[in-house]
Amino acid sequence: MSTQTTAVSNDRSVQRLVTMALFAAILCVSAYISIPLPLPGAPHITMQNFVILLIALLFPSLDAFLIILVWMILGVIGLPVFIGGGSGIGYLLTPYGGYTMVFPLVGLLLPLIRGKVYNRLRYTLAAIAGALLIDIIGMLWLMAASHLTLSAAFLTGFVPFIPLDIVKTVIAAQIVPAFRKIMQ
């Protein structure tokens, strides 16, 4: 391999790592952009789902997983990167922690569902599937952790989140081409 080829390869690796770090930082900030729900004890609706889905729509599976994993590790070790400045393993074990714990899985699966070539409809449907996965697993965790019935968990852990999550997913899927242009 020539020195010029090695230099180009190193430049791309550095660019990839910097881009991934930038998205991990954006994910950290997204927890602070929130809308409070008028339910006692309920978390806020944040931009985290939007950023998680955008990452999963932009990056290959392993890269998306690693970005989300780095963010999650930062939170687990005590940096205030979870919703409302939360951190620590205890945050993940709360009734609403299931929504956060499913994010790495979405990072792994969504890139496989969406395919490699951008297609507006396929990306939108994949993003909706990702949002549903987050909200369903989060709701089931809420049900188990809070000892709620399925209907109570559905009304408190799914219904309030899904309308805005669907809007966020549609927007995320539509802006992928613009982000890809910027990232190149």
N, C-alpha and C. Protein backbone atom coordinates (compact mmCIF):
# COMPACT_ATOMS: atom_id res chain seq x y z
N MET A 1 0.85 -1.17 0.00
CA MET A 1 0.00 0.00 0.00
C MET A 1 0.90 1.24 0.00
N SER A 2 0.55 2.19 -0.83
CA SER A 2 1.37 3.40 -0.92
C SER A 2 1.10 4.33 0.26
N THR A 3 2.03 5.26 0.46
CA THR A 3 1.88 6.22 1.56
C THR A 3 0.67 7.11 1.32
N GLN A 4 0.41 7.43 0.08
CA GLN A 4 -0.74 8.28 -0.24
C GLN A 4 -2.04 7.56 0.09
N THR A 5 -2.14 6.28 -0.23
CA THR A 5 -3.33 5.50 0.09
C THR A 5 -3.51 5.37 1.59
N THR A 6 -2.43 5.16 2.31
CA THR A 6 -2.47 5.07 3.76
C THR A 6 -2.93 6.39 4.37
N ALA A 7 -2.44 7.49 3.85
CA ALA A 7 -2.82 8.82 4.36
C ALA A 7 -4.30 9.07 4.14
N VAL A 8 -4.81 8.71 2.97
CA VAL A 8 -6.24 8.89 2.68
C VAL A 8 -7.07 8.02 3.61
N SER A 9 -6.64 6.78 3.81
CA SER A 9 -7.34 5.86 4.69
C SER A 9 -7.35 6.38 6.13
N ASN A 10 -6.22 6.91 6.60
CA ASN A 10 -6.14 7.48 7.94
C ASN A 10 -7.04 8.70 8.08
N ASP A 11 -7.07 9.55 7.04
CA ASP A 11 -7.93 10.74 7.05
C ASP A 11 -9.40 10.33 7.18
N ARG A 12 -9.79 9.29 6.45
CA ARG A 12 -11.19 8.82 6.50
C ARG A 12 -11.51 8.24 7.87
N SER A 13 -10.56 7.52 8.45
CA SER A 13 -10.78 6.95 9.79
C SER A 13 -10.94 8.05 10.83
N VAL A 14 -10.10 9.06 10.74
CA VAL A 14 -10.19 10.19 11.67
C VAL A 14 -11.52 10.91 11.47
N GLN A 15 -11.90 11.14 10.22
CA GLN A 15 -13.16 11.82 9.93
C GLN A 15 -14.34 11.01 10.47
N ARG A 16 -14.31 9.70 10.31
CA ARG A 16 -15.37 8.82 10.81
C ARG A 16 -15.46 8.93 12.33
N LEU A 17 -14.33 8.86 13.01
CA LEU A 17 -14.34 8.93 14.48
C LEU A 17 -14.82 10.29 14.98
N VAL A 18 -14.39 11.35 14.32
CA VAL A 18 -14.83 12.69 14.72
C VAL A 18 -16.33 12.85 14.50
N THR A 19 -16.84 12.34 13.39
CA THR A 19 -18.27 12.42 13.11
C THR A 19 -19.06 11.61 14.15
N MET A 20 -18.57 10.44 14.47
CA MET A 20 -19.24 9.62 15.48
C MET A 20 -19.22 10.32 16.85
N ALA A 21 -18.10 10.92 17.21
CA ALA A 21 -18.01 11.64 18.49
C ALA A 21 -18.96 12.84 18.51
N LEU A 22 -19.06 13.52 17.37
CA LEU A 22 -19.97 14.66 17.28
C LEU A 22 -21.41 14.21 17.50
N PHE A 23 -21.79 13.09 16.91
CA PHE A 23 -23.16 12.61 17.12
C PHE A 23 -23.39 12.10 18.54
N ALA A 24 -22.37 11.55 19.17
CA ALA A 24 -22.49 11.18 20.58
C ALA A 24 -22.73 12.43 21.43
N ALA A 25 -22.04 13.51 21.10
CA ALA A 25 -22.22 14.78 21.82
C ALA A 25 -23.63 15.34 21.57
N ILE A 26 -24.09 15.28 20.34
CA ILE A 26 -25.46 15.74 20.02
C ILE A 26 -26.48 14.92 20.81
N LEU A 27 -26.24 13.63 20.92
CA LEU A 27 -27.13 12.77 21.70
C LEU A 27 -27.14 13.19 23.17
N CYS A 28 -25.98 13.56 23.71
CA CYS A 28 -25.91 14.05 25.10
C CYS A 28 -26.78 15.30 25.28
N VAL A 29 -26.70 16.21 24.35
CA VAL A 29 -27.45 17.46 24.43
C VAL A 29 -28.95 17.23 24.24
N SER A 30 -29.30 16.23 23.43
CA SER A 30 -30.71 15.99 23.10
C SER A 30 -31.57 15.68 24.32
N ALA A 31 -30.97 15.18 25.39
CA ALA A 31 -31.73 14.88 26.61
C ALA A 31 -32.24 16.14 27.29
N TYR A 32 -31.63 17.26 27.00
CA TYR A 32 -31.99 18.52 27.65
C TYR A 32 -33.02 19.31 26.86
N ILE A 33 -33.34 18.89 25.65
CA ILE A 33 -34.37 19.55 24.85
C ILE A 33 -35.64 18.75 25.08
N SER A 34 -36.54 19.29 25.91
CA SER A 34 -37.67 18.46 26.32
C SER A 34 -38.97 19.24 26.49
N ILE A 35 -40.05 18.45 26.45
CA ILE A 35 -41.40 18.95 26.68
C ILE A 35 -41.96 18.14 27.85
N PRO A 36 -42.33 18.80 28.95
CA PRO A 36 -42.86 18.02 30.09
C PRO A 36 -44.26 17.48 29.78
N LEU A 37 -44.53 16.27 30.23
CA LEU A 37 -45.86 15.69 30.11
C LEU A 37 -46.67 16.06 31.35
N PRO A 38 -47.97 16.28 31.19
CA PRO A 38 -48.79 16.68 32.34
C PRO A 38 -49.23 15.49 33.20
N LEU A 39 -48.38 14.46 33.28
CA LEU A 39 -48.69 13.29 34.10
C LEU A 39 -47.76 13.26 35.30
N PRO A 40 -48.26 12.98 36.49
CA PRO A 40 -47.38 12.95 37.66
C PRO A 40 -46.34 11.83 37.53
N GLY A 41 -45.08 12.20 37.72
CA GLY A 41 -44.00 11.22 37.68
C GLY A 41 -43.54 10.82 36.29
N ALA A 42 -44.20 11.32 35.26
CA ALA A 42 -43.83 10.95 33.89
C ALA A 42 -42.62 11.76 33.45
N PRO A 43 -41.75 11.15 32.64
CA PRO A 43 -40.60 11.90 32.13
C PRO A 43 -41.05 12.88 31.05
N HIS A 44 -40.13 13.67 30.61
CA HIS A 44 -40.42 14.62 29.54
C HIS A 44 -40.26 13.92 28.20
N ILE A 45 -40.94 14.46 27.20
CA ILE A 45 -40.69 14.02 25.83
C ILE A 45 -39.48 14.81 25.37
N THR A 46 -38.44 14.11 24.97
CA THR A 46 -37.19 14.77 24.60
C THR A 46 -36.88 14.55 23.13
N MET A 47 -35.77 15.11 22.72
CA MET A 47 -35.29 14.92 21.36
C MET A 47 -34.40 13.68 21.25
N GLN A 48 -34.25 12.92 22.34
CA GLN A 48 -33.39 11.74 22.31
C GLN A 48 -33.83 10.73 21.25
N ASN A 49 -35.12 10.41 21.22
CA ASN A 49 -35.60 9.45 20.22
C ASN A 49 -35.27 9.95 18.81
N PHE A 50 -35.47 11.23 18.59
CA PHE A 50 -35.19 11.81 17.28
C PHE A 50 -33.73 11.61 16.90
N VAL A 51 -32.83 11.92 17.83
CA VAL A 51 -31.40 11.80 17.56
C VAL A 51 -30.99 10.33 17.44
N ILE A 52 -31.54 9.46 18.28
CA ILE A 52 -31.26 8.02 18.17
C ILE A 52 -31.65 7.52 16.78
N LEU A 53 -32.85 7.87 16.34
CA LEU A 53 -33.32 7.42 15.03
C LEU A 53 -32.50 8.03 13.91
N LEU A 54 -32.13 9.29 14.05
CA LEU A 54 -31.30 9.93 13.02
C LEU A 54 -29.95 9.22 12.92
N ILE A 55 -29.35 8.91 14.05
CA ILE A 55 -28.08 8.18 14.06
C ILE A 55 -28.24 6.83 13.36
N ALA A 56 -29.32 6.12 13.70
CA ALA A 56 -29.55 4.79 13.11
C ALA A 56 -29.87 4.87 11.62
N LEU A 57 -30.38 6.00 11.17
CA LEU A 57 -30.68 6.18 9.75
C LEU A 57 -29.45 6.64 8.96
N LEU A 58 -28.50 7.25 9.63
CA LEU A 58 -27.32 7.81 8.96
C LEU A 58 -26.12 6.86 8.91
N PHE A 59 -25.94 6.09 9.96
CA PHE A 59 -24.71 5.32 10.13
C PHE A 59 -24.94 3.84 9.88
N PRO A 60 -23.87 3.13 9.53
CA PRO A 60 -23.96 1.67 9.48
C PRO A 60 -24.25 1.12 10.88
N SER A 61 -24.72 -0.10 10.93
CA SER A 61 -25.17 -0.71 12.17
C SER A 61 -24.14 -0.63 13.31
N LEU A 62 -22.92 -1.05 13.05
CA LEU A 62 -21.90 -1.04 14.10
C LEU A 62 -21.59 0.37 14.58
N ASP A 63 -21.47 1.31 13.65
CA ASP A 63 -21.19 2.69 14.03
C ASP A 63 -22.32 3.28 14.88
N ALA A 64 -23.57 3.06 14.45
CA ALA A 64 -24.72 3.57 15.21
C ALA A 64 -24.73 2.97 16.61
N PHE A 65 -24.51 1.66 16.69
CA PHE A 65 -24.46 0.99 17.99
C PHE A 65 -23.37 1.60 18.87
N LEU A 66 -22.17 1.81 18.32
CA LEU A 66 -21.06 2.34 19.10
C LEU A 66 -21.31 3.77 19.58
N ILE A 67 -21.90 4.59 18.73
CA ILE A 67 -22.23 5.97 19.12
C ILE A 67 -23.17 5.94 20.34
N ILE A 68 -24.21 5.13 20.24
CA ILE A 68 -25.20 5.05 21.31
C ILE A 68 -24.59 4.41 22.56
N LEU A 69 -23.74 3.41 22.37
CA LEU A 69 -23.09 2.75 23.50
C LEU A 69 -22.16 3.71 24.24
N VAL A 70 -21.39 4.51 23.52
CA VAL A 70 -20.52 5.50 24.15
C VAL A 70 -21.35 6.46 25.00
N TRP A 71 -22.44 6.95 24.43
CA TRP A 71 -23.33 7.85 25.16
C TRP A 71 -23.87 7.16 26.42
N MET A 72 -24.30 5.91 26.28
CA MET A 72 -24.86 5.20 27.42
C MET A 72 -23.81 4.96 28.50
N ILE A 73 -22.60 4.61 28.10
CA ILE A 73 -21.52 4.41 29.08
C ILE A 73 -21.23 5.70 29.81
N LEU A 74 -21.22 6.82 29.10
CA LEU A 74 -21.02 8.12 29.76
C LEU A 74 -22.07 8.35 30.84
N GLY A 75 -23.31 8.00 30.53
CA GLY A 75 -24.38 8.15 31.51
C GLY A 75 -24.25 7.20 32.67
N VAL A 76 -23.90 5.95 32.39
CA VAL A 76 -23.78 4.95 33.45
C VAL A 76 -22.65 5.30 34.42
N ILE A 77 -21.55 5.86 33.90
CA ILE A 77 -20.44 6.19 34.80
C ILE A 77 -20.65 7.50 35.55
N GLY A 78 -21.76 8.19 35.28
CA GLY A 78 -22.10 9.33 36.11
C GLY A 78 -22.21 10.68 35.43
N LEU A 79 -21.93 10.76 34.14
CA LEU A 79 -22.11 12.05 33.46
C LEU A 79 -23.60 12.28 33.23
N PRO A 80 -24.08 13.50 33.42
CA PRO A 80 -25.52 13.77 33.34
C PRO A 80 -26.03 13.88 31.89
N VAL A 81 -26.06 12.75 31.19
CA VAL A 81 -26.44 12.77 29.77
C VAL A 81 -27.82 12.18 29.52
N PHE A 82 -28.46 11.66 30.57
CA PHE A 82 -29.80 11.11 30.41
C PHE A 82 -30.83 12.22 30.62
N ILE A 83 -32.07 11.93 30.39
CA ILE A 83 -33.14 12.93 30.49
C ILE A 83 -33.09 13.64 31.84
N GLY A 84 -33.20 14.95 31.79
CA GLY A 84 -33.22 15.75 33.01
C GLY A 84 -31.90 15.76 33.76
N GLY A 85 -30.80 15.43 33.08
CA GLY A 85 -29.50 15.40 33.73
C GLY A 85 -29.28 14.14 34.56
N GLY A 86 -30.10 13.12 34.31
CA GLY A 86 -29.95 11.87 35.04
C GLY A 86 -28.67 11.14 34.65
N SER A 87 -28.23 10.27 35.54
CA SER A 87 -27.03 9.47 35.26
C SER A 87 -27.01 8.27 36.19
N GLY A 88 -26.09 7.37 35.92
CA GLY A 88 -25.89 6.20 36.76
C GLY A 88 -26.74 5.02 36.35
N ILE A 89 -26.34 3.85 36.80
CA ILE A 89 -27.07 2.63 36.49
C ILE A 89 -28.47 2.67 37.09
N GLY A 90 -28.60 3.37 38.21
CA GLY A 90 -29.91 3.50 38.84
C GLY A 90 -30.93 4.16 37.93
N TYR A 91 -30.48 5.09 37.11
CA TYR A 91 -31.38 5.75 36.16
C TYR A 91 -32.01 4.72 35.23
N LEU A 92 -31.19 3.78 34.76
CA LEU A 92 -31.68 2.78 33.81
C LEU A 92 -32.65 1.80 34.47
N LEU A 93 -32.57 1.66 35.78
CA LEU A 93 -33.42 0.72 36.49
C LEU A 93 -34.75 1.33 36.94
N THR A 94 -34.94 2.62 36.68
CA THR A 94 -36.21 3.26 37.03
C THR A 94 -37.31 2.74 36.11
N PRO A 95 -38.58 3.00 36.45
CA PRO A 95 -39.66 2.53 35.58
C PRO A 95 -39.57 3.02 34.13
N TYR A 96 -38.99 4.19 33.92
CA TYR A 96 -38.88 4.70 32.55
C TYR A 96 -37.51 4.39 31.92
N GLY A 97 -36.67 3.64 32.61
CA GLY A 97 -35.35 3.30 32.09
C GLY A 97 -35.36 2.38 30.88
N GLY A 98 -36.43 1.63 30.70
CA GLY A 98 -36.52 0.72 29.57
C GLY A 98 -36.46 1.42 28.22
N TYR A 99 -36.98 2.65 28.18
CA TYR A 99 -36.93 3.42 26.93
C TYR A 99 -35.46 3.68 26.55
N THR A 100 -34.65 3.97 27.54
CA THR A 100 -33.23 4.26 27.30
C THR A 100 -32.45 2.98 27.00
N MET A 101 -32.75 1.91 27.71
CA MET A 101 -32.00 0.68 27.54
C MET A 101 -32.16 0.07 26.15
N VAL A 102 -33.24 0.38 25.46
CA VAL A 102 -33.47 -0.22 24.14
C VAL A 102 -32.74 0.54 23.02
N PHE A 103 -32.21 1.71 23.31
CA PHE A 103 -31.56 2.52 22.28
C PHE A 103 -30.43 1.79 21.54
N PRO A 104 -29.52 1.09 22.24
CA PRO A 104 -28.46 0.39 21.48
C PRO A 104 -29.01 -0.67 20.52
N LEU A 105 -30.08 -1.35 20.92
CA LEU A 105 -30.71 -2.34 20.05
C LEU A 105 -31.25 -1.67 18.79
N VAL A 106 -31.85 -0.51 18.94
CA VAL A 106 -32.35 0.24 17.78
C VAL A 106 -31.19 0.63 16.88
N GLY A 107 -30.07 1.03 17.48
CA GLY A 107 -28.88 1.37 16.70
C GLY A 107 -28.36 0.20 15.88
N LEU A 108 -28.50 -1.00 16.40
CA LEU A 108 -28.08 -2.20 15.68
C LEU A 108 -29.07 -2.61 14.59
N LEU A 109 -30.35 -2.60 14.92
CA LEU A 109 -31.37 -3.15 14.02
C LEU A 109 -31.82 -2.22 12.91
N LEU A 110 -32.02 -0.96 13.24
CA LEU A 110 -32.59 -0.03 12.26
C LEU A 110 -31.76 0.09 10.98
N PRO A 111 -30.43 0.16 11.05
CA PRO A 111 -29.66 0.22 9.80
C PRO A 111 -29.84 -1.03 8.93
N LEU A 112 -30.12 -2.16 9.54
CA LEU A 112 -30.35 -3.38 8.77
C LEU A 112 -31.71 -3.35 8.09
N ILE A 113 -32.69 -2.75 8.74
CA ILE A 113 -34.05 -2.66 8.19
C ILE A 113 -34.12 -1.63 7.06
N ARG A 114 -33.46 -0.52 7.23
CA ARG A 114 -33.59 0.59 6.27
C ARG A 114 -32.87 0.34 4.96
N GLY A 115 -31.87 -0.51 4.95
CA GLY A 115 -31.10 -0.76 3.74
C GLY A 115 -30.00 0.27 3.57
N LYS A 116 -29.17 0.07 2.56
CA LYS A 116 -28.02 0.95 2.35
C LYS A 116 -28.33 2.15 1.46
N VAL A 117 -29.23 1.98 0.52
CA VAL A 117 -29.57 3.05 -0.41
C VAL A 117 -30.80 3.79 0.12
N TYR A 118 -30.70 5.13 0.15
CA TYR A 118 -31.80 5.93 0.69
C TYR A 118 -33.05 5.80 -0.18
N ASN A 119 -34.13 5.46 0.48
CA ASN A 119 -35.46 5.45 -0.12
C ASN A 119 -36.37 6.08 0.92
N ARG A 120 -37.00 7.18 0.56
CA ARG A 120 -37.78 7.97 1.52
C ARG A 120 -38.82 7.13 2.26
N LEU A 121 -39.58 6.33 1.53
CA LEU A 121 -40.64 5.53 2.16
C LEU A 121 -40.04 4.46 3.07
N ARG A 122 -39.03 3.77 2.58
CA ARG A 122 -38.42 2.69 3.39
C ARG A 122 -37.78 3.26 4.66
N TYR A 123 -37.08 4.38 4.53
CA TYR A 123 -36.46 5.00 5.71
C TYR A 123 -37.53 5.48 6.70
N THR A 124 -38.61 6.03 6.19
CA THR A 124 -39.69 6.50 7.07
C THR A 124 -40.32 5.33 7.81
N LEU A 125 -40.61 4.25 7.10
CA LEU A 125 -41.21 3.07 7.74
C LEU A 125 -40.25 2.43 8.74
N ALA A 126 -38.97 2.41 8.40
CA ALA A 126 -37.97 1.86 9.32
C ALA A 126 -37.89 2.72 10.59
N ALA A 127 -37.93 4.04 10.42
CA ALA A 127 -37.88 4.94 11.58
C ALA A 127 -39.11 4.77 12.45
N ILE A 128 -40.27 4.61 11.84
CA ILE A 128 -41.49 4.37 12.61
C ILE A 128 -41.38 3.05 13.37
N ALA A 129 -40.84 2.03 12.72
CA ALA A 129 -40.63 0.74 13.39
C ALA A 129 -39.69 0.91 14.58
N GLY A 130 -38.64 1.72 14.42
CA GLY A 130 -37.71 1.99 15.52
C GLY A 130 -38.38 2.68 16.68
N ALA A 131 -39.21 3.69 16.38
CA ALA A 131 -39.93 4.41 17.43
C ALA A 131 -40.91 3.48 18.15
N LEU A 132 -41.59 2.64 17.39
CA LEU A 132 -42.52 1.69 18.01
C LEU A 132 -41.77 0.70 18.91
N LEU A 133 -40.61 0.24 18.46
CA LEU A 133 -39.80 -0.67 19.27
C LEU A 133 -39.42 -0.01 20.60
N ILE A 134 -38.95 1.23 20.52
CA ILE A 134 -38.58 1.97 21.73
C ILE A 134 -39.78 2.10 22.67
N ASP A 135 -40.90 2.54 22.12
CA ASP A 135 -42.07 2.80 22.96
C ASP A 135 -42.70 1.52 23.49
N ILE A 136 -42.69 0.44 22.73
CA ILE A 136 -43.28 -0.81 23.21
C ILE A 136 -42.41 -1.44 24.29
N ILE A 137 -41.10 -1.52 24.05
CA ILE A 137 -40.22 -2.11 25.07
C ILE A 137 -40.20 -1.22 26.31
N GLY A 138 -40.15 0.09 26.12
CA GLY A 138 -40.21 1.01 27.25
C GLY A 138 -41.49 0.84 28.06
N MET A 139 -42.61 0.68 27.36
CA MET A 139 -43.89 0.49 28.03
C MET A 139 -43.91 -0.83 28.81
N LEU A 140 -43.36 -1.89 28.21
CA LEU A 140 -43.33 -3.18 28.90
C LEU A 140 -42.43 -3.13 30.14
N TRP A 141 -41.31 -2.42 30.04
CA TRP A 141 -40.43 -2.24 31.20
C TRP A 141 -41.17 -1.45 32.28
N LEU A 142 -41.86 -0.39 31.87
CA LEU A 142 -42.65 0.42 32.81
C LEU A 142 -43.69 -0.45 33.51
N MET A 143 -44.36 -1.30 32.75
CA MET A 143 -45.38 -2.19 33.30
C MET A 143 -44.77 -3.11 34.36
N ALA A 144 -43.62 -3.71 34.03
CA ALA A 144 -42.98 -4.64 34.97
C ALA A 144 -42.42 -3.92 36.19
N ALA A 145 -41.75 -2.80 35.97
CA ALA A 145 -41.09 -2.08 37.07
C ALA A 145 -42.08 -1.39 38.00
N SER A 146 -43.24 -1.01 37.46
CA SER A 146 -44.24 -0.30 38.27
C SER A 146 -45.42 -1.18 38.67
N HIS A 147 -45.39 -2.44 38.26
CA HIS A 147 -46.47 -3.38 38.56
C HIS A 147 -47.81 -2.87 38.06
N LEU A 148 -47.80 -2.36 36.80
CA LEU A 148 -49.02 -1.85 36.19
C LEU A 148 -49.66 -2.94 35.35
N THR A 149 -50.95 -2.79 35.11
CA THR A 149 -51.60 -3.67 34.15
C THR A 149 -51.17 -3.24 32.76
N LEU A 150 -51.38 -4.09 31.78
CA LEU A 150 -51.02 -3.74 30.41
C LEU A 150 -51.77 -2.50 29.94
N SER A 151 -53.04 -2.41 30.28
CA SER A 151 -53.80 -1.24 29.83
C SER A 151 -53.32 0.04 30.52
N ALA A 152 -52.97 -0.03 31.80
CA ALA A 152 -52.44 1.15 32.49
C ALA A 152 -51.09 1.55 31.92
N ALA A 153 -50.24 0.57 31.64
CA ALA A 153 -48.93 0.86 31.05
C ALA A 153 -49.09 1.44 29.65
N PHE A 154 -50.05 0.93 28.90
CA PHE A 154 -50.31 1.44 27.55
C PHE A 154 -50.74 2.91 27.62
N LEU A 155 -51.61 3.23 28.56
CA LEU A 155 -52.12 4.60 28.67
C LEU A 155 -51.08 5.58 29.21
N THR A 156 -50.16 5.11 30.05
CA THR A 156 -49.17 6.03 30.62
C THR A 156 -47.81 5.94 29.94
N GLY A 157 -47.50 4.81 29.30
CA GLY A 157 -46.16 4.62 28.75
C GLY A 157 -46.09 4.50 27.25
N PHE A 158 -47.24 4.57 26.57
CA PHE A 158 -47.23 4.47 25.11
C PHE A 158 -48.03 5.61 24.49
N VAL A 159 -49.27 5.72 24.86
CA VAL A 159 -50.18 6.71 24.26
C VAL A 159 -49.62 8.14 24.33
N PRO A 160 -49.08 8.59 25.48
CA PRO A 160 -48.60 9.98 25.50
C PRO A 160 -47.39 10.23 24.61
N PHE A 161 -46.61 9.19 24.31
CA PHE A 161 -45.36 9.37 23.58
C PHE A 161 -45.51 9.20 22.07
N ILE A 162 -46.35 8.28 21.63
CA ILE A 162 -46.33 7.85 20.24
C ILE A 162 -46.69 8.95 19.23
N PRO A 163 -47.66 9.84 19.49
CA PRO A 163 -47.96 10.83 18.44
C PRO A 163 -46.75 11.71 18.08
N LEU A 164 -46.09 12.27 19.09
CA LEU A 164 -44.93 13.12 18.81
C LEU A 164 -43.75 12.29 18.30
N ASP A 165 -43.60 11.06 18.79
CA ASP A 165 -42.53 10.20 18.30
C ASP A 165 -42.70 9.90 16.80
N ILE A 166 -43.92 9.71 16.36
CA ILE A 166 -44.17 9.46 14.93
C ILE A 166 -43.79 10.70 14.12
N VAL A 167 -44.14 11.87 14.61
CA VAL A 167 -43.76 13.10 13.91
C VAL A 167 -42.24 13.22 13.83
N LYS A 168 -41.56 12.94 14.95
CA LYS A 168 -40.10 13.02 14.96
C LYS A 168 -39.47 12.01 13.99
N THR A 169 -40.06 10.82 13.90
CA THR A 169 -39.49 9.81 13.01
C THR A 169 -39.63 10.21 11.55
N VAL A 170 -40.77 10.75 11.21
CA VAL A 170 -40.99 11.17 9.81
C VAL A 170 -40.00 12.28 9.45
N ILE A 171 -39.81 13.23 10.34
CA ILE A 171 -38.85 14.32 10.08
C ILE A 171 -37.43 13.76 9.97
N ALA A 172 -37.06 12.88 10.88
CA ALA A 172 -35.70 12.31 10.84
C ALA A 172 -35.45 11.61 9.51
N ALA A 173 -36.42 10.85 9.05
CA ALA A 173 -36.24 10.11 7.79
C ALA A 173 -36.13 11.06 6.59
N GLN A 174 -36.77 12.21 6.66
CA GLN A 174 -36.76 13.13 5.53
C GLN A 174 -35.47 13.93 5.44
N ILE A 175 -34.78 14.13 6.56
CA ILE A 175 -33.57 14.97 6.54
C ILE A 175 -32.28 14.18 6.35
N VAL A 176 -32.38 12.87 6.23
CA VAL A 176 -31.20 12.04 6.04
C VAL A 176 -30.36 12.48 4.84
N PRO A 177 -30.96 12.72 3.66
CA PRO A 177 -30.12 13.13 2.52
C PRO A 177 -29.32 14.41 2.78
N ALA A 178 -29.93 15.37 3.45
CA ALA A 178 -29.22 16.62 3.75
C ALA A 178 -28.05 16.36 4.69
N PHE A 179 -28.26 15.53 5.70
CA PHE A 179 -27.17 15.19 6.62
C PHE A 179 -26.06 14.42 5.92
N ARG A 180 -26.43 13.53 5.03
CA ARG A 180 -25.41 12.76 4.32
C ARG A 180 -24.55 13.67 3.45
N LYS A 181 -25.17 14.68 2.85
CA LYS A 181 -24.39 15.65 2.06
C LYS A 181 -23.39 16.38 2.94
N ILE A 182 -23.84 16.82 4.09
CA ILE A 182 -22.98 17.55 5.02
C ILE A 182 -21.85 16.66 5.51
N MET A 183 -22.15 15.38 5.76
CA MET A 183 -21.17 14.46 6.34
C MET A 183 -20.10 14.03 5.33
N GLN A 184 -20.36 14.21 4.03
CA GLN A 184 -19.38 13.76 3.03
C GLN A 184 -18.31 14.75 2.79
